[in-house]
């Protein structure tokens, strides 16, 4: 058996919180978790949006039926099968979304942030390495940075924020502390925020994000 590869054209979709206009001076990319879709995830984060802040929600290219064949299809950023190829495809897709958004923005002097939830946290950390993004704040919500992250490619002034619930079955306080120490060892500023809740988007966590971005 001989394994070979072929590149094909694939259509991805993304959602934005409002029509792009000259008022926008901040863009937040919000990356959903495993078995979620971008439109629902954008709705859960909509309190971060306003006239000056645009939310952009890309969607994982992998689709599948999460519960059964009668349920709505869900999305994923990647699996372990052909992992390196899936990472390449995902980062190429996110880069295309970024460049399309930037081309539409009348105001070129603005800031970018990124929020990744659960599986989307690792994807967000990789996306933050994109030199055209120049990410200011990276919010890792219910997840951590990719274990193989290219730390040298990140903006030197990037600020990490670890957000997790006190009842999150996937992220314990000790795990969060370990991740915080690892980020600090890479000489990046990191701020933890624990809220009362589980592995889901909560108002208290989004209030923290808003506070960081408006301070």
N, C-alpha and C. Protein backbone atom coordinates (compact mmCIF):
# COMPACT_ATOMS: atom_id res chain seq x y z
N UNK A 1 0.85 -1.20 0.00
CA UNK A 1 0.00 0.00 0.00
C UNK A 1 0.88 1.24 0.00
N UNK A 2 0.58 2.19 -0.87
CA UNK A 2 1.34 3.44 -0.97
C UNK A 2 0.40 4.61 -0.69
N UNK A 3 0.72 5.37 0.33
CA UNK A 3 -0.10 6.53 0.67
C UNK A 3 0.37 7.75 -0.13
N UNK A 4 -0.60 8.45 -0.71
CA UNK A 4 -0.29 9.66 -1.45
C UNK A 4 -1.27 10.76 -1.04
N UNK A 5 -0.94 12.01 -1.38
CA UNK A 5 -1.77 13.16 -1.02
C UNK A 5 -2.14 13.96 -2.26
N UNK A 6 -3.28 14.62 -2.17
CA UNK A 6 -3.69 15.55 -3.21
C UNK A 6 -4.39 16.72 -2.53
N UNK A 7 -4.09 17.92 -2.98
CA UNK A 7 -4.76 19.11 -2.44
C UNK A 7 -6.00 19.40 -3.27
N UNK A 8 -7.09 19.66 -2.57
CA UNK A 8 -8.35 19.96 -3.23
C UNK A 8 -8.89 21.28 -2.71
N UNK A 9 -9.78 21.88 -3.45
CA UNK A 9 -10.43 23.10 -3.02
C UNK A 9 -11.59 22.76 -2.09
N UNK A 10 -11.68 23.44 -0.97
CA UNK A 10 -12.75 23.20 -0.01
C UNK A 10 -13.32 24.54 0.45
N UNK A 11 -14.62 24.62 0.58
CA UNK A 11 -15.28 25.85 1.01
C UNK A 11 -15.54 25.82 2.51
N UNK A 12 -15.01 26.82 3.20
CA UNK A 12 -15.28 26.97 4.63
C UNK A 12 -16.22 28.14 4.84
N UNK A 13 -16.79 28.21 6.00
CA UNK A 13 -17.67 29.34 6.29
C UNK A 13 -17.25 30.00 7.61
N UNK A 14 -17.59 31.27 7.74
CA UNK A 14 -17.35 32.01 8.98
C UNK A 14 -18.46 33.03 9.14
N UNK A 15 -18.61 33.52 10.37
CA UNK A 15 -19.68 34.47 10.68
C UNK A 15 -19.07 35.70 11.33
N UNK A 16 -19.70 36.85 11.07
CA UNK A 16 -19.27 38.10 11.71
C UNK A 16 -20.45 38.70 12.45
N UNK A 17 -20.15 39.48 13.47
CA UNK A 17 -21.19 39.99 14.37
C UNK A 17 -21.96 41.18 13.81
N UNK A 18 -21.39 41.85 12.82
CA UNK A 18 -22.05 43.03 12.25
C UNK A 18 -21.44 43.33 10.89
N UNK A 19 -22.07 44.23 10.19
CA UNK A 19 -21.52 44.69 8.92
C UNK A 19 -20.24 45.48 9.18
N UNK A 20 -19.23 45.23 8.40
CA UNK A 20 -17.95 45.92 8.58
C UNK A 20 -18.08 47.37 8.10
N UNK A 21 -17.67 48.30 8.97
CA UNK A 21 -17.72 49.72 8.62
C UNK A 21 -16.56 50.45 9.27
N UNK A 22 -16.55 51.78 9.10
CA UNK A 22 -15.42 52.59 9.58
C UNK A 22 -15.37 52.71 11.10
N UNK A 23 -16.42 52.30 11.79
CA UNK A 23 -16.43 52.37 13.25
C UNK A 23 -15.57 51.29 13.90
N UNK A 24 -15.33 50.20 13.19
CA UNK A 24 -14.61 49.07 13.77
C UNK A 24 -13.15 49.42 14.03
N UNK A 25 -12.72 49.31 15.28
CA UNK A 25 -11.31 49.52 15.61
C UNK A 25 -10.71 48.36 16.39
N UNK A 26 -11.51 47.32 16.62
CA UNK A 26 -11.02 46.13 17.32
C UNK A 26 -11.71 44.90 16.72
N UNK A 27 -10.91 43.87 16.45
CA UNK A 27 -11.44 42.62 15.91
C UNK A 27 -11.08 41.49 16.86
N UNK A 28 -12.08 40.70 17.22
CA UNK A 28 -11.85 39.52 18.07
C UNK A 28 -12.23 38.27 17.28
N UNK A 29 -11.27 37.41 17.07
CA UNK A 29 -11.56 36.11 16.47
C UNK A 29 -11.97 35.16 17.59
N UNK A 30 -13.13 34.53 17.43
CA UNK A 30 -13.63 33.59 18.45
C UNK A 30 -13.71 32.21 17.81
N UNK A 31 -12.98 31.26 18.40
CA UNK A 31 -12.87 29.92 17.84
C UNK A 31 -13.60 28.93 18.74
N UNK A 32 -14.55 28.25 18.16
CA UNK A 32 -15.42 27.34 18.90
C UNK A 32 -14.68 26.09 19.39
N UNK A 33 -15.36 25.30 20.22
CA UNK A 33 -14.81 24.06 20.72
C UNK A 33 -15.24 22.87 19.88
N UNK A 34 -14.86 21.70 20.34
CA UNK A 34 -15.18 20.46 19.64
C UNK A 34 -16.69 20.22 19.60
N UNK A 35 -17.18 19.76 18.45
CA UNK A 35 -18.61 19.45 18.26
C UNK A 35 -19.51 20.66 18.42
N UNK A 36 -18.97 21.83 18.07
CA UNK A 36 -19.77 23.05 18.04
C UNK A 36 -19.75 23.61 16.63
N UNK A 37 -20.57 24.63 16.38
CA UNK A 37 -20.57 25.33 15.11
C UNK A 37 -20.36 26.83 15.35
N UNK A 38 -19.84 27.50 14.34
CA UNK A 38 -19.43 28.89 14.51
C UNK A 38 -20.59 29.84 14.77
N UNK A 39 -21.74 29.60 14.13
CA UNK A 39 -22.85 30.52 14.33
C UNK A 39 -23.38 30.47 15.76
N UNK A 40 -23.52 29.26 16.30
CA UNK A 40 -23.96 29.14 17.69
C UNK A 40 -22.93 29.71 18.66
N UNK A 41 -21.65 29.47 18.35
CA UNK A 41 -20.60 29.97 19.24
C UNK A 41 -20.55 31.49 19.22
N UNK A 42 -20.71 32.07 18.04
CA UNK A 42 -20.73 33.53 17.96
C UNK A 42 -21.88 34.10 18.79
N UNK A 43 -23.03 33.46 18.74
CA UNK A 43 -24.18 33.91 19.52
C UNK A 43 -23.88 33.88 21.02
N UNK A 44 -23.13 32.87 21.46
CA UNK A 44 -22.82 32.76 22.88
C UNK A 44 -21.82 33.81 23.34
N UNK A 45 -21.07 34.38 22.40
CA UNK A 45 -20.05 35.40 22.73
C UNK A 45 -20.48 36.81 22.35
N UNK A 46 -21.73 36.98 21.94
CA UNK A 46 -22.16 38.24 21.33
C UNK A 46 -22.05 39.43 22.26
N UNK A 47 -22.01 39.21 23.57
CA UNK A 47 -21.88 40.34 24.51
C UNK A 47 -20.53 41.04 24.37
N UNK A 48 -19.57 40.43 23.67
CA UNK A 48 -18.27 41.06 23.43
C UNK A 48 -18.33 42.05 22.28
N UNK A 49 -19.40 42.00 21.51
CA UNK A 49 -19.50 42.83 20.31
C UNK A 49 -20.16 44.17 20.61
N UNK A 50 -19.76 45.18 19.86
CA UNK A 50 -20.41 46.50 19.90
C UNK A 50 -20.10 47.21 18.58
N UNK A 51 -20.43 48.47 18.49
CA UNK A 51 -20.21 49.19 17.23
C UNK A 51 -18.75 49.23 16.82
N UNK A 52 -17.85 49.25 17.82
CA UNK A 52 -16.43 49.37 17.53
C UNK A 52 -15.69 48.03 17.55
N UNK A 53 -16.34 46.99 18.04
CA UNK A 53 -15.71 45.67 18.16
C UNK A 53 -16.42 44.66 17.27
N UNK A 54 -15.68 44.10 16.34
CA UNK A 54 -16.20 43.10 15.42
C UNK A 54 -15.78 41.72 15.87
N UNK A 55 -16.74 40.81 15.98
CA UNK A 55 -16.42 39.41 16.26
C UNK A 55 -16.40 38.64 14.95
N UNK A 56 -15.38 37.82 14.79
CA UNK A 56 -15.26 36.96 13.62
C UNK A 56 -15.18 35.52 14.12
N UNK A 57 -16.10 34.68 13.66
CA UNK A 57 -16.17 33.30 14.12
C UNK A 57 -15.94 32.34 12.95
N UNK A 58 -14.70 31.91 12.74
CA UNK A 58 -14.44 30.89 11.73
C UNK A 58 -14.98 29.53 12.24
N UNK A 59 -15.11 28.59 11.33
CA UNK A 59 -15.63 27.28 11.69
C UNK A 59 -14.69 26.17 11.23
N UNK A 60 -14.50 25.18 12.10
CA UNK A 60 -13.65 24.04 11.75
C UNK A 60 -14.11 23.38 10.46
N UNK A 61 -13.17 22.92 9.66
CA UNK A 61 -13.49 22.38 8.35
C UNK A 61 -14.03 20.95 8.41
N UNK A 62 -13.80 20.24 9.51
CA UNK A 62 -14.28 18.87 9.63
C UNK A 62 -15.71 18.86 10.15
N UNK A 63 -16.61 18.13 9.47
CA UNK A 63 -18.03 18.05 9.85
C UNK A 63 -18.39 16.60 10.17
N UNK A 64 -19.27 16.44 11.15
CA UNK A 64 -19.71 15.10 11.51
C UNK A 64 -21.00 15.18 12.32
N UNK A 65 -21.69 14.06 12.44
CA UNK A 65 -22.89 13.98 13.27
C UNK A 65 -22.46 13.59 14.68
N UNK A 66 -22.65 14.50 15.62
CA UNK A 66 -22.13 14.31 16.97
C UNK A 66 -22.96 13.29 17.76
N UNK A 67 -24.29 13.33 17.62
CA UNK A 67 -25.14 12.44 18.41
C UNK A 67 -25.59 11.25 17.56
N UNK A 68 -26.33 11.50 16.50
CA UNK A 68 -26.74 10.46 15.57
C UNK A 68 -26.99 11.11 14.22
N UNK A 69 -27.40 10.33 13.25
CA UNK A 69 -27.52 10.84 11.89
C UNK A 69 -28.71 11.77 11.70
N UNK A 70 -29.56 11.90 12.70
CA UNK A 70 -30.68 12.83 12.61
C UNK A 70 -30.38 14.16 13.28
N UNK A 71 -29.25 14.25 13.98
CA UNK A 71 -28.90 15.48 14.67
C UNK A 71 -28.25 16.46 13.70
N UNK A 72 -28.12 17.70 14.14
CA UNK A 72 -27.44 18.69 13.30
C UNK A 72 -25.94 18.39 13.24
N UNK A 73 -25.32 18.54 12.08
CA UNK A 73 -23.88 18.30 11.98
C UNK A 73 -23.10 19.26 12.87
N UNK A 74 -21.98 18.79 13.40
CA UNK A 74 -21.09 19.59 14.23
C UNK A 74 -19.74 19.74 13.54
N UNK A 75 -18.88 20.55 14.14
CA UNK A 75 -17.58 20.84 13.53
C UNK A 75 -16.43 20.55 14.48
N UNK A 76 -15.28 20.31 13.89
CA UNK A 76 -14.06 20.06 14.65
C UNK A 76 -12.90 20.73 13.93
N UNK A 77 -11.89 21.13 14.69
CA UNK A 77 -10.72 21.76 14.08
C UNK A 77 -9.76 20.73 13.51
N UNK A 78 -9.66 19.58 14.17
CA UNK A 78 -8.72 18.57 13.69
C UNK A 78 -8.91 17.28 14.48
N UNK A 79 -8.33 16.19 13.98
CA UNK A 79 -8.26 14.94 14.71
C UNK A 79 -6.80 14.46 14.63
N UNK A 80 -6.54 13.33 15.25
CA UNK A 80 -5.18 12.80 15.24
C UNK A 80 -4.82 12.16 13.90
N UNK A 81 -5.82 11.84 13.07
CA UNK A 81 -5.57 11.23 11.77
C UNK A 81 -5.03 12.28 10.80
N UNK A 82 -3.85 12.05 10.28
CA UNK A 82 -3.19 13.01 9.38
C UNK A 82 -3.13 14.39 10.04
N UNK A 83 -2.72 14.38 11.28
CA UNK A 83 -2.73 15.59 12.12
C UNK A 83 -1.98 16.77 11.48
N UNK A 84 -0.78 16.52 10.99
CA UNK A 84 0.02 17.61 10.42
C UNK A 84 -0.67 18.24 9.21
N UNK A 85 -1.30 17.42 8.40
CA UNK A 85 -1.99 17.94 7.22
C UNK A 85 -3.22 18.75 7.64
N UNK A 86 -3.94 18.26 8.63
CA UNK A 86 -5.12 18.99 9.11
C UNK A 86 -4.72 20.33 9.71
N UNK A 87 -3.60 20.37 10.42
CA UNK A 87 -3.11 21.63 10.98
C UNK A 87 -2.76 22.61 9.86
N UNK A 88 -2.09 22.12 8.85
CA UNK A 88 -1.74 22.99 7.72
C UNK A 88 -2.99 23.56 7.06
N UNK A 89 -3.98 22.69 6.83
CA UNK A 89 -5.21 23.15 6.18
C UNK A 89 -5.94 24.17 7.04
N UNK A 90 -5.99 23.91 8.35
CA UNK A 90 -6.70 24.82 9.27
C UNK A 90 -6.04 26.18 9.32
N UNK A 91 -4.73 26.21 9.44
CA UNK A 91 -4.03 27.49 9.55
C UNK A 91 -4.08 28.25 8.22
N UNK A 92 -4.05 27.53 7.12
CA UNK A 92 -4.20 28.20 5.81
C UNK A 92 -5.59 28.82 5.70
N UNK A 93 -6.59 28.09 6.12
CA UNK A 93 -7.97 28.59 6.09
C UNK A 93 -8.13 29.82 6.99
N UNK A 94 -7.61 29.76 8.22
CA UNK A 94 -7.72 30.90 9.13
C UNK A 94 -6.98 32.11 8.58
N UNK A 95 -5.86 31.88 7.94
CA UNK A 95 -5.11 32.98 7.33
C UNK A 95 -5.93 33.63 6.22
N UNK A 96 -6.64 32.84 5.45
CA UNK A 96 -7.47 33.39 4.38
C UNK A 96 -8.62 34.22 4.95
N UNK A 97 -9.23 33.73 6.03
CA UNK A 97 -10.29 34.51 6.68
C UNK A 97 -9.73 35.83 7.18
N UNK A 98 -8.58 35.78 7.83
CA UNK A 98 -7.95 37.00 8.34
C UNK A 98 -7.70 38.01 7.22
N UNK A 99 -7.12 37.57 6.12
CA UNK A 99 -6.80 38.49 5.04
C UNK A 99 -8.07 39.04 4.39
N UNK A 100 -9.12 38.25 4.31
CA UNK A 100 -10.38 38.73 3.75
C UNK A 100 -10.99 39.81 4.64
N UNK A 101 -10.94 39.59 5.95
CA UNK A 101 -11.46 40.58 6.90
C UNK A 101 -10.63 41.87 6.82
N UNK A 102 -9.32 41.74 6.83
CA UNK A 102 -8.46 42.92 6.80
C UNK A 102 -8.68 43.74 5.53
N UNK A 103 -8.93 43.07 4.43
CA UNK A 103 -9.14 43.78 3.16
C UNK A 103 -10.41 44.60 3.17
N UNK A 104 -11.38 44.23 4.02
CA UNK A 104 -12.66 44.94 4.07
C UNK A 104 -12.69 46.06 5.10
N UNK A 105 -11.70 46.12 5.97
CA UNK A 105 -11.71 47.10 7.05
C UNK A 105 -11.25 48.47 6.57
N UNK A 106 -12.12 49.48 6.63
CA UNK A 106 -11.71 50.83 6.23
C UNK A 106 -10.61 51.38 7.15
N UNK A 107 -10.73 51.07 8.44
CA UNK A 107 -9.76 51.54 9.43
C UNK A 107 -8.64 50.51 9.54
N UNK A 108 -7.44 50.88 9.13
CA UNK A 108 -6.32 49.94 9.16
C UNK A 108 -5.57 49.98 10.48
N UNK A 109 -5.79 51.02 11.28
CA UNK A 109 -5.11 51.14 12.57
C UNK A 109 -6.03 50.59 13.66
N UNK A 110 -5.98 49.29 13.87
CA UNK A 110 -6.84 48.68 14.88
C UNK A 110 -6.10 47.53 15.56
N UNK A 111 -6.74 46.95 16.56
CA UNK A 111 -6.12 45.88 17.33
C UNK A 111 -6.88 44.57 17.11
N UNK A 112 -6.17 43.48 17.32
CA UNK A 112 -6.74 42.15 17.17
C UNK A 112 -6.55 41.34 18.45
N UNK A 113 -7.57 40.58 18.79
CA UNK A 113 -7.49 39.65 19.91
C UNK A 113 -8.08 38.33 19.45
N UNK A 114 -7.84 37.29 20.24
CA UNK A 114 -8.35 35.98 19.87
C UNK A 114 -8.82 35.23 21.11
N UNK A 115 -9.96 34.59 21.00
CA UNK A 115 -10.51 33.77 22.07
C UNK A 115 -10.77 32.37 21.52
N UNK A 116 -10.18 31.38 22.18
CA UNK A 116 -10.41 30.00 21.77
C UNK A 116 -10.99 29.22 22.93
N UNK A 117 -12.06 28.48 22.65
CA UNK A 117 -12.73 27.70 23.69
C UNK A 117 -12.45 26.21 23.51
N UNK A 118 -12.04 25.55 24.59
CA UNK A 118 -11.83 24.11 24.59
C UNK A 118 -10.85 23.71 23.49
N UNK A 119 -11.26 22.87 22.53
CA UNK A 119 -10.37 22.50 21.44
C UNK A 119 -9.90 23.72 20.66
N UNK A 120 -10.74 24.74 20.62
CA UNK A 120 -10.38 25.96 19.91
C UNK A 120 -9.27 26.75 20.56
N UNK A 121 -8.96 26.46 21.84
CA UNK A 121 -7.88 27.17 22.53
C UNK A 121 -6.53 26.85 21.89
N UNK A 122 -6.27 25.57 21.64
CA UNK A 122 -5.01 25.19 21.00
C UNK A 122 -4.93 25.77 19.60
N UNK A 123 -6.05 25.73 18.88
CA UNK A 123 -6.08 26.31 17.53
C UNK A 123 -5.82 27.80 17.57
N UNK A 124 -6.41 28.49 18.56
CA UNK A 124 -6.22 29.93 18.70
C UNK A 124 -4.76 30.27 18.98
N UNK A 125 -4.09 29.44 19.78
CA UNK A 125 -2.68 29.71 20.09
C UNK A 125 -1.82 29.58 18.84
N UNK A 126 -2.15 28.61 17.99
CA UNK A 126 -1.41 28.47 16.72
C UNK A 126 -1.72 29.65 15.79
N UNK A 127 -2.98 30.06 15.75
CA UNK A 127 -3.39 31.18 14.90
C UNK A 127 -2.68 32.46 15.33
N UNK A 128 -2.44 32.61 16.63
CA UNK A 128 -1.78 33.81 17.14
C UNK A 128 -0.36 33.95 16.61
N UNK A 129 0.20 32.88 16.07
CA UNK A 129 1.54 32.94 15.49
C UNK A 129 1.54 33.62 14.12
N UNK A 130 0.36 33.81 13.53
CA UNK A 130 0.28 34.43 12.22
C UNK A 130 0.80 35.87 12.30
N UNK A 131 1.83 36.19 11.54
CA UNK A 131 2.44 37.53 11.64
C UNK A 131 1.50 38.65 11.21
N UNK A 132 0.48 38.35 10.42
CA UNK A 132 -0.44 39.37 9.95
C UNK A 132 -1.57 39.63 10.95
N UNK A 133 -1.67 38.79 11.96
CA UNK A 133 -2.69 38.98 12.98
C UNK A 133 -2.25 39.96 14.05
N UNK A 134 -0.97 39.86 14.47
CA UNK A 134 -0.43 40.74 15.51
C UNK A 134 -1.37 40.80 16.71
N UNK A 135 -1.68 39.63 17.23
CA UNK A 135 -2.64 39.48 18.32
C UNK A 135 -2.15 40.17 19.59
N UNK A 136 -3.05 40.91 20.24
CA UNK A 136 -2.71 41.64 21.45
C UNK A 136 -3.00 40.80 22.70
N UNK A 137 -4.21 40.22 22.75
CA UNK A 137 -4.62 39.39 23.89
C UNK A 137 -5.12 38.05 23.38
N UNK A 138 -4.66 36.98 24.02
CA UNK A 138 -5.09 35.64 23.66
C UNK A 138 -5.81 35.02 24.86
N UNK A 139 -7.10 34.78 24.69
CA UNK A 139 -7.93 34.22 25.76
C UNK A 139 -8.10 32.72 25.51
N UNK A 140 -7.53 31.92 26.39
CA UNK A 140 -7.65 30.47 26.31
C UNK A 140 -8.71 30.04 27.32
N UNK A 141 -9.88 29.70 26.82
CA UNK A 141 -11.06 29.45 27.65
C UNK A 141 -11.33 27.95 27.70
N UNK A 142 -11.18 27.37 28.89
CA UNK A 142 -11.43 25.94 29.04
C UNK A 142 -10.46 25.09 28.26
N UNK A 143 -9.26 25.57 28.07
CA UNK A 143 -8.23 24.86 27.31
C UNK A 143 -6.89 25.55 27.48
N UNK A 144 -5.89 25.05 26.80
CA UNK A 144 -4.55 25.61 26.91
C UNK A 144 -3.89 25.76 25.56
N UNK A 145 -2.67 26.27 25.54
CA UNK A 145 -1.96 26.42 24.27
C UNK A 145 -1.59 25.06 23.69
N UNK A 146 -1.37 25.02 22.40
CA UNK A 146 -0.98 23.78 21.75
C UNK A 146 0.33 23.26 22.35
N UNK A 147 0.45 21.96 22.54
CA UNK A 147 1.64 21.41 23.17
C UNK A 147 2.87 21.56 22.29
N UNK A 148 2.66 21.72 20.98
CA UNK A 148 3.78 21.89 20.06
C UNK A 148 3.83 23.31 19.51
N UNK A 149 3.35 24.26 20.30
CA UNK A 149 3.28 25.65 19.86
C UNK A 149 4.66 26.22 19.55
N UNK A 150 4.75 26.98 18.48
CA UNK A 150 5.99 27.66 18.12
C UNK A 150 6.04 29.00 18.87
N UNK A 151 6.56 28.96 20.07
CA UNK A 151 6.55 30.14 20.94
C UNK A 151 7.34 31.30 20.34
N UNK A 152 8.35 31.00 19.57
CA UNK A 152 9.18 32.05 18.97
C UNK A 152 8.41 32.86 17.93
N UNK A 153 7.33 32.29 17.38
CA UNK A 153 6.57 32.97 16.33
C UNK A 153 5.49 33.89 16.90
N UNK A 154 5.26 33.84 18.20
CA UNK A 154 4.23 34.68 18.82
C UNK A 154 4.72 36.12 18.97
N UNK A 155 3.80 37.10 18.93
CA UNK A 155 4.19 38.49 19.21
C UNK A 155 4.80 38.58 20.61
N UNK A 156 5.90 39.28 20.73
CA UNK A 156 6.62 39.32 22.01
C UNK A 156 5.81 39.98 23.12
N UNK A 157 4.87 40.86 22.76
CA UNK A 157 4.07 41.55 23.77
C UNK A 157 2.69 40.91 23.95
N UNK A 158 2.50 39.69 23.43
CA UNK A 158 1.23 39.01 23.56
C UNK A 158 0.92 38.71 25.03
N UNK A 159 -0.33 38.96 25.42
CA UNK A 159 -0.76 38.68 26.78
C UNK A 159 -1.71 37.47 26.76
N UNK A 160 -1.39 36.47 27.58
CA UNK A 160 -2.22 35.28 27.70
C UNK A 160 -3.22 35.46 28.84
N UNK A 161 -4.41 34.90 28.66
CA UNK A 161 -5.43 34.88 29.70
C UNK A 161 -6.01 33.48 29.78
N UNK A 162 -5.89 32.84 30.93
CA UNK A 162 -6.43 31.50 31.14
C UNK A 162 -7.76 31.61 31.85
N UNK A 163 -8.82 31.16 31.20
CA UNK A 163 -10.18 31.25 31.75
C UNK A 163 -10.72 29.84 31.94
N UNK A 164 -11.19 29.53 33.15
CA UNK A 164 -11.71 28.19 33.39
C UNK A 164 -12.71 28.22 34.56
N UNK A 165 -13.64 27.29 34.53
CA UNK A 165 -14.65 27.22 35.57
C UNK A 165 -14.19 26.38 36.75
N UNK A 166 -14.69 26.71 37.93
CA UNK A 166 -14.29 25.96 39.12
C UNK A 166 -14.88 24.55 39.15
N UNK A 167 -15.83 24.27 38.22
CA UNK A 167 -16.41 22.93 38.12
C UNK A 167 -16.17 22.31 36.75
N UNK A 168 -15.16 22.79 36.05
CA UNK A 168 -14.85 22.28 34.72
C UNK A 168 -14.24 20.89 34.84
N UNK A 169 -14.89 19.86 34.30
CA UNK A 169 -14.35 18.50 34.42
C UNK A 169 -13.10 18.27 33.56
N UNK A 170 -12.85 19.19 32.62
CA UNK A 170 -11.71 19.01 31.72
C UNK A 170 -10.49 19.84 32.11
N UNK A 171 -10.69 20.85 32.96
CA UNK A 171 -9.59 21.73 33.38
C UNK A 171 -9.67 21.94 34.88
N UNK A 172 -8.79 21.31 35.63
CA UNK A 172 -8.76 21.49 37.08
C UNK A 172 -7.91 22.70 37.43
N UNK A 173 -8.05 23.17 38.66
CA UNK A 173 -7.25 24.32 39.12
C UNK A 173 -5.76 24.00 39.07
N UNK A 174 -5.40 22.76 39.40
CA UNK A 174 -3.98 22.38 39.38
C UNK A 174 -3.45 22.35 37.94
N UNK A 175 -4.28 21.89 37.01
CA UNK A 175 -3.87 21.90 35.60
C UNK A 175 -3.68 23.32 35.10
N UNK A 176 -4.60 24.20 35.47
CA UNK A 176 -4.50 25.59 35.05
C UNK A 176 -3.24 26.24 35.62
N UNK A 177 -2.92 25.92 36.86
CA UNK A 177 -1.71 26.46 37.49
C UNK A 177 -0.46 25.97 36.76
N UNK A 178 -0.48 24.71 36.35
CA UNK A 178 0.65 24.15 35.61
C UNK A 178 0.82 24.84 34.26
N UNK A 179 -0.30 25.08 33.57
CA UNK A 179 -0.25 25.76 32.27
C UNK A 179 0.23 27.20 32.46
N UNK A 180 -0.24 27.84 33.51
CA UNK A 180 0.19 29.22 33.80
C UNK A 180 1.70 29.28 33.99
N UNK A 181 2.23 28.32 34.73
CA UNK A 181 3.68 28.28 34.95
C UNK A 181 4.45 28.04 33.66
N UNK A 182 3.89 27.20 32.80
CA UNK A 182 4.55 26.91 31.52
C UNK A 182 4.60 28.15 30.64
N UNK A 183 3.50 28.88 30.59
CA UNK A 183 3.47 30.11 29.79
C UNK A 183 4.46 31.13 30.34
N UNK A 184 4.49 31.27 31.67
CA UNK A 184 5.42 32.21 32.31
C UNK A 184 6.87 31.84 32.01
N UNK A 185 7.14 30.53 31.94
CA UNK A 185 8.52 30.09 31.67
C UNK A 185 8.96 30.48 30.27
N UNK A 186 8.00 30.75 29.39
CA UNK A 186 8.30 31.19 28.03
C UNK A 186 8.42 32.71 27.94
N UNK A 187 8.37 33.37 29.09
CA UNK A 187 8.56 34.82 29.19
C UNK A 187 7.39 35.62 28.62
N UNK A 188 6.18 35.07 28.75
CA UNK A 188 4.99 35.80 28.35
C UNK A 188 4.16 36.13 29.58
N UNK A 189 3.49 37.27 29.52
CA UNK A 189 2.59 37.66 30.60
C UNK A 189 1.34 36.79 30.56
N UNK A 190 0.91 36.28 31.71
CA UNK A 190 -0.27 35.43 31.75
C UNK A 190 -1.11 35.76 32.97
N UNK A 191 -2.42 35.85 32.76
CA UNK A 191 -3.35 36.17 33.85
C UNK A 191 -4.43 35.09 33.90
N UNK A 192 -4.60 34.43 35.07
CA UNK A 192 -5.66 33.43 35.20
C UNK A 192 -6.96 34.06 35.68
N UNK A 193 -8.08 33.47 35.27
CA UNK A 193 -9.38 33.91 35.76
C UNK A 193 -10.27 32.69 35.93
N UNK A 194 -10.68 32.46 37.16
CA UNK A 194 -11.58 31.34 37.46
C UNK A 194 -12.97 31.88 37.75
N UNK A 195 -13.97 31.27 37.13
CA UNK A 195 -15.35 31.68 37.37
C UNK A 195 -16.13 30.50 37.94
N UNK A 196 -17.29 30.78 38.46
CA UNK A 196 -18.14 29.72 39.00
C UNK A 196 -18.93 29.11 37.84
N UNK A 197 -18.60 27.89 37.48
CA UNK A 197 -19.28 27.28 36.36
C UNK A 197 -18.54 26.08 35.82
N UNK A 198 -19.08 25.51 34.76
CA UNK A 198 -18.53 24.30 34.17
C UNK A 198 -17.84 24.61 32.84
N UNK A 199 -17.82 23.62 31.95
CA UNK A 199 -17.12 23.74 30.68
C UNK A 199 -18.06 24.35 29.64
N UNK A 200 -18.35 25.63 29.80
CA UNK A 200 -19.24 26.32 28.87
C UNK A 200 -19.00 27.82 28.97
N UNK A 201 -19.52 28.54 28.00
CA UNK A 201 -19.38 29.99 27.99
C UNK A 201 -20.33 30.59 29.02
N UNK A 202 -19.78 31.39 29.92
CA UNK A 202 -20.57 32.01 30.99
C UNK A 202 -20.41 33.52 30.95
N UNK A 203 -21.44 34.23 31.41
CA UNK A 203 -21.42 35.69 31.40
C UNK A 203 -20.27 36.26 32.21
N UNK A 204 -19.96 35.64 33.36
CA UNK A 204 -18.89 36.15 34.22
C UNK A 204 -17.55 36.12 33.49
N UNK A 205 -17.32 35.08 32.71
CA UNK A 205 -16.07 34.98 31.96
C UNK A 205 -16.01 36.03 30.85
N UNK A 206 -17.12 36.22 30.16
CA UNK A 206 -17.15 37.23 29.10
C UNK A 206 -17.02 38.64 29.67
N UNK A 207 -17.54 38.85 30.86
CA UNK A 207 -17.37 40.14 31.53
C UNK A 207 -15.89 40.40 31.80
N UNK A 208 -15.18 39.33 32.17
CA UNK A 208 -13.73 39.46 32.38
C UNK A 208 -13.03 39.86 31.08
N UNK A 209 -13.39 39.20 30.00
CA UNK A 209 -12.79 39.52 28.69
C UNK A 209 -13.06 40.97 28.33
N UNK A 210 -14.29 41.40 28.51
CA UNK A 210 -14.64 42.80 28.21
C UNK A 210 -13.84 43.76 29.06
N UNK A 211 -13.67 43.42 30.31
CA UNK A 211 -12.91 44.30 31.22
C UNK A 211 -11.46 44.41 30.77
N UNK A 212 -10.86 43.30 30.37
CA UNK A 212 -9.48 43.32 29.89
C UNK A 212 -9.36 44.20 28.65
N UNK A 213 -10.29 44.06 27.74
CA UNK A 213 -10.20 44.76 26.46
C UNK A 213 -10.53 46.24 26.55
N UNK A 214 -11.21 46.64 27.60
CA UNK A 214 -11.59 48.04 27.74
C UNK A 214 -10.75 48.78 28.78
N UNK A 215 -9.81 48.09 29.38
CA UNK A 215 -8.94 48.73 30.40
C UNK A 215 -7.72 49.35 29.75
